[in-house]
């Protein structure tokens, strides 16, 4: 029987990178069917998540409609025993160096990254009222994967969209959020069960999420996603150290 890691990594190896508007790919059936159904059944309850508005320095009002749970050290300790067992097992392969290598190789990066990257991941739950304007993402990121945890394929329009700026040559080295009307939506990666969108972060990797209505999430607890990020390790450590210093001096 193929393990979840072998299945997932095998899917990544079949990826065909598209270059418009920036390097990315979309994959489906990324987990074995039974395993994916178990993932949905074992999703943490809402009290395990933290509200983004409360934990971020960027106080955008619509962040009140996004909850998240970092897969950091000891995060499973608050879970019931069955959930803890499942997610501890998941963490072992999902946050491994072997998977990070496979992700990097799916974009043609084979040698230069070794030992120079770090992995972070989190559950994200979007509720009605949330949106995310086009932005290029944090400069420390190298590759981002958004794994959709949709119960079915009835809300494909809730996928993450990729954008091209209307202003020729426009780029952004920071994670500043822009107005939708200043960009052309090139495509939306459908919010389908057991699928993912992956892309290479750059100063033109503009992506976002169109506003969610109450109807969009009426039959679920929200738009559930796992975000997986490979960072430039040195840049990420320097960025976090600067943040800690600023907090200490506040």
C-alpha atoms as a PDB file:
ATOM      1  CA  UNK A   1       0.000   0.000   0.000  1.00  0.00           C
ATOM      2  CA  UNK A   2       1.300   3.458  -0.942  1.00  0.00           C
ATOM      3  CA  UNK A   3       1.958   5.700   2.063  1.00  0.00           C
ATOM      4  CA  UNK A   4       0.517   9.242   2.234  1.00  0.00           C
ATOM      5  CA  UNK A   5       4.027  10.630   1.708  1.00  0.00           C
ATOM      6  CA  UNK A   6       4.712   8.424  -1.304  1.00  0.00           C
ATOM      7  CA  UNK A   7       1.355   9.344  -2.834  1.00  0.00           C
ATOM      8  CA  UNK A   8       1.816  13.069  -2.202  1.00  0.00           C
ATOM      9  CA  UNK A   9       5.423  13.135  -3.394  1.00  0.00           C
ATOM     10  CA  UNK A  10       4.460  11.117  -6.451  1.00  0.00           C
ATOM     11  CA  UNK A  11       1.856  13.740  -7.377  1.00  0.00           C
ATOM     12  CA  UNK A  12       4.426  16.520  -6.998  1.00  0.00           C
ATOM     13  CA  UNK A  13       6.758  14.722  -9.387  1.00  0.00           C
ATOM     14  CA  UNK A  14       4.069  14.822 -12.100  1.00  0.00           C
ATOM     15  CA  UNK A  15       3.637  18.605 -11.841  1.00  0.00           C
ATOM     16  CA  UNK A  16       3.893  20.639 -15.024  1.00  0.00           C
ATOM     17  CA  UNK A  17       4.889  24.188 -14.126  1.00  0.00           C
ATOM     18  CA  UNK A  18       2.953  26.967 -15.849  1.00  0.00           C
ATOM     19  CA  UNK A  19       4.716  30.313 -16.231  1.00  0.00           C
ATOM     20  CA  UNK A  20       1.793  32.717 -16.702  1.00  0.00           C
ATOM     21  CA  UNK A  21       1.537  34.973 -14.738  1.00  0.00           C
ATOM     22  CA  UNK A  22       4.388  33.435 -12.659  1.00  0.00           C
ATOM     23  CA  UNK A  23       5.635  29.855 -12.067  1.00  0.00           C
ATOM     24  CA  UNK A  24       2.890  27.715 -10.529  1.00  0.00           C
ATOM     25  CA  UNK A  25       0.979  24.471 -10.862  1.00  0.00           C
ATOM     26  CA  UNK A  26      -2.301  22.929  -9.725  1.00  0.00           C
ATOM     27  CA  UNK A  27      -2.613  19.259  -8.745  1.00  0.00           C
ATOM     28  CA  UNK A  28      -5.573  17.066  -7.809  1.00  0.00           C
ATOM     29  CA  UNK A  29      -5.966  13.858  -5.782  1.00  0.00           C
ATOM     30  CA  UNK A  30      -2.820  14.713  -3.834  1.00  0.00           C
ATOM     31  CA  UNK A  31      -3.684  12.400  -0.913  1.00  0.00           C
ATOM     32  CA  UNK A  32      -5.081   8.856  -1.030  1.00  0.00           C
ATOM     33  CA  UNK A  33      -8.896   9.131  -0.943  1.00  0.00           C
ATOM     34  CA  UNK A  34      -9.330   7.364   2.393  1.00  0.00           C
ATOM     35  CA  UNK A  35      -6.551   9.417   3.956  1.00  0.00           C
ATOM     36  CA  UNK A  36      -8.077  12.664   2.717  1.00  0.00           C
ATOM     37  CA  UNK A  37     -11.469  11.782   4.202  1.00  0.00           C
ATOM     38  CA  UNK A  38      -9.723  11.019   7.487  1.00  0.00           C
ATOM     39  CA  UNK A  39      -7.943  14.393   7.341  1.00  0.00           C
ATOM     40  CA  UNK A  40     -11.292  16.162   7.098  1.00  0.00           C
ATOM     41  CA  UNK A  41     -12.704  14.091   9.944  1.00  0.00           C
ATOM     42  CA  UNK A  42      -9.693  14.888  12.130  1.00  0.00           C
ATOM     43  CA  UNK A  43      -9.582  18.639  11.490  1.00  0.00           C
ATOM     44  CA  UNK A  44      -9.008  20.480  14.786  1.00  0.00           C
ATOM     45  CA  UNK A  45     -11.978  22.157  16.432  1.00  0.00           C
ATOM     46  CA  UNK A  46     -12.319  25.937  16.280  1.00  0.00           C
ATOM     47  CA  UNK A  47     -10.981  26.467  19.809  1.00  0.00           C
ATOM     48  CA  UNK A  48      -7.542  25.245  18.668  1.00  0.00           C
ATOM     49  CA  UNK A  49      -7.275  28.083  16.139  1.00  0.00           C
ATOM     50  CA  UNK A  50      -6.213  31.680  16.816  1.00  0.00           C
ATOM     51  CA  UNK A  51      -7.804  34.738  15.222  1.00  0.00           C
ATOM     52  CA  UNK A  52      -5.436  36.389  12.767  1.00  0.00           C
ATOM     53  CA  UNK A  53      -6.415  39.942  13.744  1.00  0.00           C
ATOM     54  CA  UNK A  54      -5.457  39.234  17.352  1.00  0.00           C
ATOM     55  CA  UNK A  55      -2.039  37.717  16.629  1.00  0.00           C
ATOM     56  CA  UNK A  56      -0.737  39.832  13.749  1.00  0.00           C
ATOM     57  CA  UNK A  57       0.842  43.283  13.742  1.00  0.00           C
ATOM     58  CA  UNK A  58      -1.024  44.100  10.519  1.00  0.00           C
ATOM     59  CA  UNK A  59      -4.445  45.156  11.837  1.00  0.00           C
ATOM     60  CA  UNK A  60      -6.633  44.853   8.752  1.00  0.00           C
ATOM     61  CA  UNK A  61     -10.292  44.617   9.728  1.00  0.00           C
ATOM     62  CA  UNK A  62     -11.085  41.685   7.449  1.00  0.00           C
ATOM     63  CA  UNK A  63      -8.409  39.649   9.266  1.00  0.00           C
ATOM     64  CA  UNK A  64     -11.051  39.205  11.979  1.00  0.00           C
ATOM     65  CA  UNK A  65     -12.621  36.650   9.620  1.00  0.00           C
ATOM     66  CA  UNK A  66      -9.558  34.402   9.416  1.00  0.00           C
ATOM     67  CA  UNK A  67      -8.495  31.857  12.036  1.00  0.00           C
ATOM     68  CA  UNK A  68      -5.334  29.783  11.918  1.00  0.00           C
ATOM     69  CA  UNK A  69      -3.273  27.221  13.788  1.00  0.00           C
ATOM     70  CA  UNK A  70       0.478  27.033  13.274  1.00  0.00           C
ATOM     71  CA  UNK A  71       1.933  23.527  13.068  1.00  0.00           C
ATOM     72  CA  UNK A  72       4.673  24.584  15.452  1.00  0.00           C
ATOM     73  CA  UNK A  73       6.415  22.703  18.239  1.00  0.00           C
ATOM     74  CA  UNK A  74       3.884  21.021  20.557  1.00  0.00           C
ATOM     75  CA  UNK A  75       0.812  22.255  18.687  1.00  0.00           C
ATOM     76  CA  UNK A  76      -0.923  18.848  18.940  1.00  0.00           C
ATOM     77  CA  UNK A  77      -0.804  18.733  22.742  1.00  0.00           C
ATOM     78  CA  UNK A  78      -4.261  20.324  23.039  1.00  0.00           C
ATOM     79  CA  UNK A  79      -5.877  17.800  20.718  1.00  0.00           C
ATOM     80  CA  UNK A  80      -7.931  14.748  21.748  1.00  0.00           C
ATOM     81  CA  UNK A  81      -5.893  11.507  21.664  1.00  0.00           C
ATOM     82  CA  UNK A  82      -7.124  10.268  18.254  1.00  0.00           C
ATOM     83  CA  UNK A  83      -6.504  13.626  16.609  1.00  0.00           C
ATOM     84  CA  UNK A  84      -3.110  13.960  18.285  1.00  0.00           C
ATOM     85  CA  UNK A  85      -2.032  10.552  16.966  1.00  0.00           C
ATOM     86  CA  UNK A  86      -3.175  11.392  13.433  1.00  0.00           C
ATOM     87  CA  UNK A  87      -1.559  14.827  13.193  1.00  0.00           C
ATOM     88  CA  UNK A  88       1.667  13.774  14.901  1.00  0.00           C
ATOM     89  CA  UNK A  89       2.012  11.109  12.217  1.00  0.00           C
ATOM     90  CA  UNK A  90       1.139  13.666   9.526  1.00  0.00           C
ATOM     91  CA  UNK A  91       3.732  16.138  10.835  1.00  0.00           C
ATOM     92  CA  UNK A  92       6.539  13.565  10.643  1.00  0.00           C
ATOM     93  CA  UNK A  93       6.402  13.319   6.857  1.00  0.00           C
ATOM     94  CA  UNK A  94       4.693  16.577   5.895  1.00  0.00           C
ATOM     95  CA  UNK A  95       7.248  18.801   7.655  1.00  0.00           C
ATOM     96  CA  UNK A  96      10.209  16.620   6.702  1.00  0.00           C
ATOM     97  CA  UNK A  97      13.303  17.645   4.784  1.00  0.00           C
ATOM     98  CA  UNK A  98      12.480  14.919   2.257  1.00  0.00           C
ATOM     99  CA  UNK A  99       9.182  16.542   1.335  1.00  0.00           C
ATOM    100  CA  UNK A 100      10.786  19.995   1.197  1.00  0.00           C
ATOM    101  CA  UNK A 101      13.347  18.596  -1.243  1.00  0.00           C
ATOM    102  CA  UNK A 102      10.575  17.123  -3.393  1.00  0.00           C
ATOM    103  CA  UNK A 103       8.678  20.423  -3.428  1.00  0.00           C
ATOM    104  CA  UNK A 104      11.771  22.360  -4.471  1.00  0.00           C
ATOM    105  CA  UNK A 105      12.596  19.814  -7.148  1.00  0.00           C
ATOM    106  CA  UNK A 106       9.069  20.112  -8.562  1.00  0.00           C
ATOM    107  CA  UNK A 107      10.081  23.641  -9.607  1.00  0.00           C
ATOM    108  CA  UNK A 108      13.454  22.530 -10.962  1.00  0.00           C
ATOM    109  CA  UNK A 109      15.515  23.441  -7.875  1.00  0.00           C
ATOM    110  CA  UNK A 110      17.776  20.480  -7.087  1.00  0.00           C
ATOM    111  CA  UNK A 111      20.959  21.432  -5.260  1.00  0.00           C
ATOM    112  CA  UNK A 112      21.291  25.054  -4.211  1.00  0.00           C
ATOM    113  CA  UNK A 113      18.644  24.886  -1.474  1.00  0.00           C
ATOM    114  CA  UNK A 114      20.011  22.025   0.681  1.00  0.00           C
ATOM    115  CA  UNK A 115      20.342  23.061   4.323  1.00  0.00           C
ATOM    116  CA  UNK A 116      19.423  26.639   3.472  1.00  0.00           C
ATOM    117  CA  UNK A 117      15.662  26.407   3.872  1.00  0.00           C
ATOM    118  CA  UNK A 118      13.117  26.001   6.640  1.00  0.00           C
ATOM    119  CA  UNK A 119       9.508  24.831   6.511  1.00  0.00           C
ATOM    120  CA  UNK A 120       6.459  26.338   8.204  1.00  0.00           C
ATOM    121  CA  UNK A 121       2.869  25.205   7.884  1.00  0.00           C
ATOM    122  CA  UNK A 122      -0.516  26.129   9.302  1.00  0.00           C
ATOM    123  CA  UNK A 123      -4.191  25.360   9.146  1.00  0.00           C
ATOM    124  CA  UNK A 124      -6.202  28.326   7.911  1.00  0.00           C
ATOM    125  CA  UNK A 125      -9.974  28.805   8.154  1.00  0.00           C
ATOM    126  CA  UNK A 126     -11.606  31.692   6.273  1.00  0.00           C
ATOM    127  CA  UNK A 127     -15.097  32.846   7.230  1.00  0.00           C
ATOM    128  CA  UNK A 128     -17.647  35.132   5.587  1.00  0.00           C
ATOM    129  CA  UNK A 129     -16.279  38.650   5.176  1.00  0.00           C
ATOM    130  CA  UNK A 130     -12.712  37.577   4.511  1.00  0.00           C
ATOM    131  CA  UNK A 131     -10.761  38.530   1.412  1.00  0.00           C
ATOM    132  CA  UNK A 132      -7.124  38.958   0.488  1.00  0.00           C
ATOM    133  CA  UNK A 133      -6.153  41.606  -2.043  1.00  0.00           C
ATOM    134  CA  UNK A 134      -3.411  40.892  -4.592  1.00  0.00           C
ATOM    135  CA  UNK A 135      -0.014  40.691  -2.915  1.00  0.00           C
ATOM    136  CA  UNK A 136       3.366  39.150  -3.731  1.00  0.00           C
ATOM    137  CA  UNK A 137       3.951  37.568  -0.276  1.00  0.00           C
ATOM    138  CA  UNK A 138       6.674  37.836   2.353  1.00  0.00           C
ATOM    139  CA  UNK A 139      10.168  38.178   0.886  1.00  0.00           C
ATOM    140  CA  UNK A 140      11.563  35.274   2.959  1.00  0.00           C
ATOM    141  CA  UNK A 141       9.335  32.757   1.168  1.00  0.00           C
ATOM    142  CA  UNK A 142      10.681  30.632  -1.667  1.00  0.00           C
ATOM    143  CA  UNK A 143       7.729  28.342  -2.447  1.00  0.00           C
ATOM    144  CA  UNK A 144       4.140  28.363  -1.199  1.00  0.00           C
ATOM    145  CA  UNK A 145       1.670  25.472  -1.344  1.00  0.00           C
ATOM    146  CA  UNK A 146      -2.007  25.932  -0.578  1.00  0.00           C
ATOM    147  CA  UNK A 147      -3.722  22.597   0.042  1.00  0.00           C
ATOM    148  CA  UNK A 148      -7.483  22.814  -0.263  1.00  0.00           C
ATOM    149  CA  UNK A 149      -9.509  20.969   2.389  1.00  0.00           C
ATOM    150  CA  UNK A 150     -12.841  21.284   0.610  1.00  0.00           C
ATOM    151  CA  UNK A 151     -15.527  18.695   1.498  1.00  0.00           C
ATOM    152  CA  UNK A 152     -16.532  18.461  -2.186  1.00  0.00           C
ATOM    153  CA  UNK A 153     -16.303  20.391  -5.463  1.00  0.00           C
ATOM    154  CA  UNK A 154     -19.412  22.530  -5.024  1.00  0.00           C
ATOM    155  CA  UNK A 155     -17.547  25.793  -4.324  1.00  0.00           C
ATOM    156  CA  UNK A 156     -14.802  25.878  -6.941  1.00  0.00           C
ATOM    157  CA  UNK A 157     -15.050  29.683  -7.227  1.00  0.00           C
ATOM    158  CA  UNK A 158     -13.521  29.992  -3.737  1.00  0.00           C
ATOM    159  CA  UNK A 159     -10.065  29.126  -5.026  1.00  0.00           C
ATOM    160  CA  UNK A 160      -6.991  31.327  -4.791  1.00  0.00           C
ATOM    161  CA  UNK A 161      -6.576  33.653  -7.772  1.00  0.00           C
ATOM    162  CA  UNK A 162      -3.420  34.689  -9.615  1.00  0.00           C
ATOM    163  CA  UNK A 163      -3.118  38.272 -10.868  1.00  0.00           C
ATOM    164  CA  UNK A 164      -1.165  40.443 -13.260  1.00  0.00           C
ATOM    165  CA  UNK A 165      -0.796  44.162 -12.475  1.00  0.00           C
ATOM    166  CA  UNK A 166      -2.431  46.515 -14.957  1.00  0.00           C
ATOM    167  CA  UNK A 167       0.592  48.789 -14.679  1.00  0.00           C
ATOM    168  CA  UNK A 168       3.288  47.324 -16.923  1.00  0.00           C
ATOM    169  CA  UNK A 169       6.442  46.384 -15.071  1.00  0.00           C
ATOM    170  CA  UNK A 170       4.915  46.818 -11.613  1.00  0.00           C
ATOM    171  CA  UNK A 171       6.417  44.648  -8.876  1.00  0.00           C
ATOM    172  CA  UNK A 172       6.466  44.567  -5.081  1.00  0.00           C
ATOM    173  CA  UNK A 173       9.313  43.262  -2.882  1.00  0.00           C
ATOM    174  CA  UNK A 174       7.098  43.446   0.209  1.00  0.00           C
ATOM    175  CA  UNK A 175       3.848  41.779   1.218  1.00  0.00           C
ATOM    176  CA  UNK A 176       1.728  44.885   0.686  1.00  0.00           C
ATOM    177  CA  UNK A 177      -1.915  44.258  -0.209  1.00  0.00           C
ATOM    178  CA  UNK A 178      -3.391  46.028  -3.227  1.00  0.00           C
ATOM    179  CA  UNK A 179      -6.856  46.787  -4.600  1.00  0.00           C
ATOM    180  CA  UNK A 180      -8.402  44.198  -6.901  1.00  0.00           C
ATOM    181  CA  UNK A 181      -9.233  46.847  -9.506  1.00  0.00           C
ATOM    182  CA  UNK A 182      -5.524  47.517 -10.118  1.00  0.00           C
ATOM    183  CA  UNK A 183      -4.959  43.957 -11.323  1.00  0.00           C
ATOM    184  CA  UNK A 184      -6.163  41.544 -13.969  1.00  0.00           C
ATOM    185  CA  UNK A 185      -7.247  38.151 -12.641  1.00  0.00           C
ATOM    186  CA  UNK A 186      -5.424  35.661 -14.856  1.00  0.00           C
ATOM    187  CA  UNK A 187      -6.835  32.469 -13.344  1.00  0.00           C
ATOM    188  CA  UNK A 188      -8.381  30.958 -10.235  1.00  0.00           C
ATOM    189  CA  UNK A 189      -7.134  27.599  -8.974  1.00  0.00           C
ATOM    190  CA  UNK A 190     -10.480  25.863  -8.270  1.00  0.00           C
ATOM    191  CA  UNK A 191     -11.305  25.137  -4.630  1.00  0.00           C
ATOM    192  CA  UNK A 192     -11.683  21.400  -5.167  1.00  0.00           C
ATOM    193  CA  UNK A 193     -11.450  18.578  -2.668  1.00  0.00           C
ATOM    194  CA  UNK A 194      -8.002  17.022  -2.281  1.00  0.00           C
ATOM    195  CA  UNK A 195      -6.174  19.501  -4.533  1.00  0.00           C
ATOM    196  CA  UNK A 196      -3.453  22.101  -4.222  1.00  0.00           C
ATOM    197  CA  UNK A 197      -1.942  25.213  -5.745  1.00  0.00           C
ATOM    198  CA  UNK A 198       1.825  25.727  -5.531  1.00  0.00           C
ATOM    199  CA  UNK A 199       3.860  28.700  -6.726  1.00  0.00           C
ATOM    200  CA  UNK A 200       7.303  30.274  -6.571  1.00  0.00           C
ATOM    201  CA  UNK A 201       7.346  33.493  -4.586  1.00  0.00           C
ATOM    202  CA  UNK A 202       8.777  36.523  -6.393  1.00  0.00           C
ATOM    203  CA  UNK A 203       8.165  40.263  -6.582  1.00  0.00           C
ATOM    204  CA  UNK A 204       5.450  39.570  -9.192  1.00  0.00           C
ATOM    205  CA  UNK A 205       3.763  36.535  -7.600  1.00  0.00           C
ATOM    206  CA  UNK A 206       0.531  38.455  -7.009  1.00  0.00           C
ATOM    207  CA  UNK A 207      -2.234  36.249  -5.643  1.00  0.00           C
ATOM    208  CA  UNK A 208      -5.280  36.712  -3.474  1.00  0.00           C
ATOM    209  CA  UNK A 209      -8.780  35.625  -2.529  1.00  0.00           C
ATOM    210  CA  UNK A 210     -11.981  37.257  -3.731  1.00  0.00           C
ATOM    211  CA  UNK A 211     -14.398  38.291  -0.914  1.00  0.00           C
ATOM    212  CA  UNK A 212     -16.257  35.436   0.776  1.00  0.00           C
ATOM    213  CA  UNK A 213     -20.010  35.824   1.266  1.00  0.00           C
ATOM    214  CA  UNK A 214     -22.180  34.178   3.907  1.00  0.00           C
ATOM    215  CA  UNK A 215     -23.613  31.971   1.183  1.00  0.00           C
ATOM    216  CA  UNK A 216     -20.119  30.823   0.198  1.00  0.00           C
ATOM    217  CA  UNK A 217     -19.519  29.205   3.593  1.00  0.00           C
ATOM    218  CA  UNK A 218     -23.119  28.574   4.668  1.00  0.00           C
ATOM    219  CA  UNK A 219     -22.798  24.782   4.732  1.00  0.00           C
ATOM    220  CA  UNK A 220     -19.303  24.508   6.244  1.00  0.00           C
ATOM    221  CA  UNK A 221     -17.338  25.906   9.179  1.00  0.00           C
ATOM    222  CA  UNK A 222     -15.364  27.970   6.670  1.00  0.00           C
ATOM    223  CA  UNK A 223     -12.944  27.745   3.764  1.00  0.00           C
ATOM    224  CA  UNK A 224     -10.316  25.350   5.092  1.00  0.00           C
ATOM    225  CA  UNK A 225      -6.759  25.306   3.766  1.00  0.00           C
ATOM    226  CA  UNK A 226      -3.348  24.035   4.824  1.00  0.00           C
ATOM    227  CA  UNK A 227      -0.627  26.520   3.937  1.00  0.00           C
ATOM    228  CA  UNK A 228       2.862  25.065   3.464  1.00  0.00           C
ATOM    229  CA  UNK A 229       5.774  27.452   3.048  1.00  0.00           C
ATOM    230  CA  UNK A 230       9.451  26.916   2.307  1.00  0.00           C
ATOM    231  CA  UNK A 231      11.483  29.895   3.540  1.00  0.00           C
ATOM    232  CA  UNK A 232      15.005  31.070   2.892  1.00  0.00           C
ATOM    233  CA  UNK A 233      16.239  29.975   6.322  1.00  0.00           C
ATOM    234  CA  UNK A 234      18.725  32.786   6.962  1.00  0.00           C
ATOM    235  CA  UNK A 235      16.306  35.485   5.781  1.00  0.00           C
ATOM    236  CA  UNK A 236      13.468  34.054   7.885  1.00  0.00           C
ATOM    237  CA  UNK A 237      15.595  33.799  11.028  1.00  0.00           C
ATOM    238  CA  UNK A 238      16.787  37.397  10.581  1.00  0.00           C
ATOM    239  CA  UNK A 239      13.213  38.597  10.036  1.00  0.00           C
ATOM    240  CA  UNK A 240      11.950  36.812  13.163  1.00  0.00           C
ATOM    241  CA  UNK A 241      14.887  38.097  15.228  1.00  0.00           C
ATOM    242  CA  UNK A 242      14.137  41.664  14.149  1.00  0.00           C
ATOM    243  CA  UNK A 243      10.494  41.161  15.104  1.00  0.00           C
ATOM    244  CA  UNK A 244      11.426  39.849  18.561  1.00  0.00           C
ATOM    245  CA  UNK A 245      13.765  42.806  19.111  1.00  0.00           C
ATOM    246  CA  UNK A 246      11.064  45.270  18.112  1.00  0.00           C
ATOM    247  CA  UNK A 247       8.587  43.627  20.496  1.00  0.00           C
ATOM    248  CA  UNK A 248      11.116  43.727  23.338  1.00  0.00           C
ATOM    249  CA  UNK A 249      11.732  47.435  22.784  1.00  0.00           C
ATOM    250  CA  UNK A 250       8.048  48.341  22.402  1.00  0.00           C
END
